[in-house]
Amino acid sequence: MSATREKFATQVDAELLKAVRQLAKSEGRQIQAVVEDALREHLEARQSSVPRGREHVMQAYLKSTERYSGLYKKLAQ
């Protein structure tokens, strides 16, 4: 992506903007950095030919398979 910054204006849901502001503040980042990351991730997900799972869902799945691998093997038999 280009390092040149360009201003643009748009409108979003008030609660969504509030959540973005809170996230930026909690991470010590500027709102523009959070929005830019979100836009980049959205575009990458749309352009990818391989569907990507949400990170927290994948982490829960991996923990589950580690914890209950014996049970899953028995259920599969």
C-alpha atoms as a PDB file:
ATOM      1  CA  MET A   1       0.000   0.000   0.000  1.00  0.00           C
ATOM      2  CA  SER A   2       1.033   3.571  -0.589  1.00  0.00           C
ATOM      3  CA  ALA A   3       2.645   5.557   2.221  1.00  0.00           C
ATOM      4  CA  THR A   4       0.870   8.689   0.996  1.00  0.00           C
ATOM      5  CA  ARG A   5      -2.021   9.639   3.261  1.00  0.00           C
ATOM      6  CA  GLU A   6      -5.286  10.957   1.869  1.00  0.00           C
ATOM      7  CA  LYS A   7      -8.164  12.399   3.851  1.00  0.00           C
ATOM      8  CA  PHE A   8     -11.696  11.191   3.260  1.00  0.00           C
ATOM      9  CA  ALA A   9     -14.996  11.616   5.037  1.00  0.00           C
ATOM     10  CA  THR A  10     -17.707   9.074   5.728  1.00  0.00           C
ATOM     11  CA  GLN A  11     -20.396   8.304   8.259  1.00  0.00           C
ATOM     12  CA  VAL A  12     -20.692   5.305  10.583  1.00  0.00           C
ATOM     13  CA  ASP A  13     -22.999   4.110  13.307  1.00  0.00           C
ATOM     14  CA  ALA A  14     -22.459   6.114  16.505  1.00  0.00           C
ATOM     15  CA  GLU A  15     -21.974   3.001  18.650  1.00  0.00           C
ATOM     16  CA  LEU A  16     -19.459   1.581  16.180  1.00  0.00           C
ATOM     17  CA  LEU A  17     -17.457   4.814  16.228  1.00  0.00           C
ATOM     18  CA  LYS A  18     -17.564   4.847  20.026  1.00  0.00           C
ATOM     19  CA  ALA A  19     -16.197   1.289  20.102  1.00  0.00           C
ATOM     20  CA  VAL A  20     -13.414   2.203  17.649  1.00  0.00           C
ATOM     21  CA  ARG A  21     -12.465   5.207  19.770  1.00  0.00           C
ATOM     22  CA  GLN A  22     -12.385   3.055  22.907  1.00  0.00           C
ATOM     23  CA  LEU A  23     -10.265   0.412  21.181  1.00  0.00           C
ATOM     24  CA  ALA A  24      -7.815   3.008  19.908  1.00  0.00           C
ATOM     25  CA  LYS A  25      -7.544   4.571  23.357  1.00  0.00           C
ATOM     26  CA  SER A  26      -7.083   1.206  25.104  1.00  0.00           C
ATOM     27  CA  GLU A  27      -4.294   0.285  22.673  1.00  0.00           C
ATOM     28  CA  GLY A  28      -2.672   3.723  22.791  1.00  0.00           C
ATOM     29  CA  ARG A  29      -3.180   4.177  19.063  1.00  0.00           C
ATOM     30  CA  GLN A  30      -4.753   6.787  16.842  1.00  0.00           C
ATOM     31  CA  ILE A  31      -8.226   6.124  15.446  1.00  0.00           C
ATOM     32  CA  GLN A  32      -6.858   6.365  11.913  1.00  0.00           C
ATOM     33  CA  ALA A  33      -4.488   3.447  12.624  1.00  0.00           C
ATOM     34  CA  VAL A  34      -7.329   1.260  13.894  1.00  0.00           C
ATOM     35  CA  VAL A  35      -9.539   2.136  10.927  1.00  0.00           C
ATOM     36  CA  GLU A  36      -6.687   1.559   8.471  1.00  0.00           C
ATOM     37  CA  ASP A  37      -5.978  -1.876  10.001  1.00  0.00           C
ATOM     38  CA  ALA A  38      -9.661  -2.797   9.804  1.00  0.00           C
ATOM     39  CA  LEU A  39      -9.905  -1.714   6.163  1.00  0.00           C
ATOM     40  CA  ARG A  40      -6.736  -3.605   5.270  1.00  0.00           C
ATOM     41  CA  GLU A  41      -7.941  -6.808   6.996  1.00  0.00           C
ATOM     42  CA  HIS A  42     -11.329  -6.522   5.309  1.00  0.00           C
ATOM     43  CA  LEU A  43      -9.785  -6.152   1.865  1.00  0.00           C
ATOM     44  CA  GLU A  44      -7.352  -9.022   2.455  1.00  0.00           C
ATOM     45  CA  ALA A  45     -10.195 -11.277   3.581  1.00  0.00           C
ATOM     46  CA  ARG A  46     -12.244 -10.388   0.494  1.00  0.00           C
ATOM     47  CA  GLN A  47      -9.340 -10.927  -1.873  1.00  0.00           C
ATOM     48  CA  SER A  48      -8.215 -14.209  -0.345  1.00  0.00           C
ATOM     49  CA  SER A  49      -9.324 -17.358  -2.133  1.00  0.00           C
ATOM     50  CA  VAL A  50      -9.023 -19.288   1.139  1.00  0.00           C
ATOM     51  CA  PRO A  51     -11.644 -18.375   3.727  1.00  0.00           C
ATOM     52  CA  ARG A  52     -10.139 -17.284   7.028  1.00  0.00           C
ATOM     53  CA  GLY A  53     -11.690 -17.974  10.398  1.00  0.00           C
ATOM     54  CA  ARG A  54     -11.933 -15.362  13.060  1.00  0.00           C
ATOM     55  CA  GLU A  55      -8.882 -15.508  15.319  1.00  0.00           C
ATOM     56  CA  HIS A  56     -10.722 -16.029  18.610  1.00  0.00           C
ATOM     57  CA  VAL A  57     -12.826 -18.815  17.082  1.00  0.00           C
ATOM     58  CA  MET A  58      -9.732 -20.577  15.779  1.00  0.00           C
ATOM     59  CA  GLN A  59      -8.011 -20.259  19.177  1.00  0.00           C
ATOM     60  CA  ALA A  60     -11.025 -21.781  20.932  1.00  0.00           C
ATOM     61  CA  TYR A  61     -11.103 -24.605  18.383  1.00  0.00           C
ATOM     62  CA  LEU A  62      -7.406 -25.384  18.858  1.00  0.00           C
ATOM     63  CA  LYS A  63      -7.728 -25.376  22.648  1.00  0.00           C
ATOM     64  CA  SER A  64     -10.719 -27.675  22.377  1.00  0.00           C
ATOM     65  CA  THR A  65      -8.896 -30.148  20.160  1.00  0.00           C
ATOM     66  CA  GLU A  66      -5.952 -30.214  22.570  1.00  0.00           C
ATOM     67  CA  ARG A  67      -8.101 -30.632  25.654  1.00  0.00           C
ATOM     68  CA  TYR A  68     -10.608 -33.134  24.294  1.00  0.00           C
ATOM     69  CA  SER A  69      -8.560 -34.999  21.653  1.00  0.00           C
ATOM     70  CA  GLY A  70      -9.144 -38.347  23.394  1.00  0.00           C
ATOM     71  CA  LEU A  71     -12.874 -37.787  23.516  1.00  0.00           C
ATOM     72  CA  TYR A  72     -12.988 -36.734  19.871  1.00  0.00           C
ATOM     73  CA  LYS A  73     -11.109 -39.901  18.866  1.00  0.00           C
ATOM     74  CA  LYS A  74     -13.572 -42.070  20.809  1.00  0.00           C
ATOM     75  CA  LEU A  75     -16.545 -40.269  19.276  1.00  0.00           C
ATOM     76  CA  ALA A  76     -15.123 -40.752  15.807  1.00  0.00           C
ATOM     77  CA  GLN A  77     -14.881 -44.545  16.272  1.00  0.00           C
END
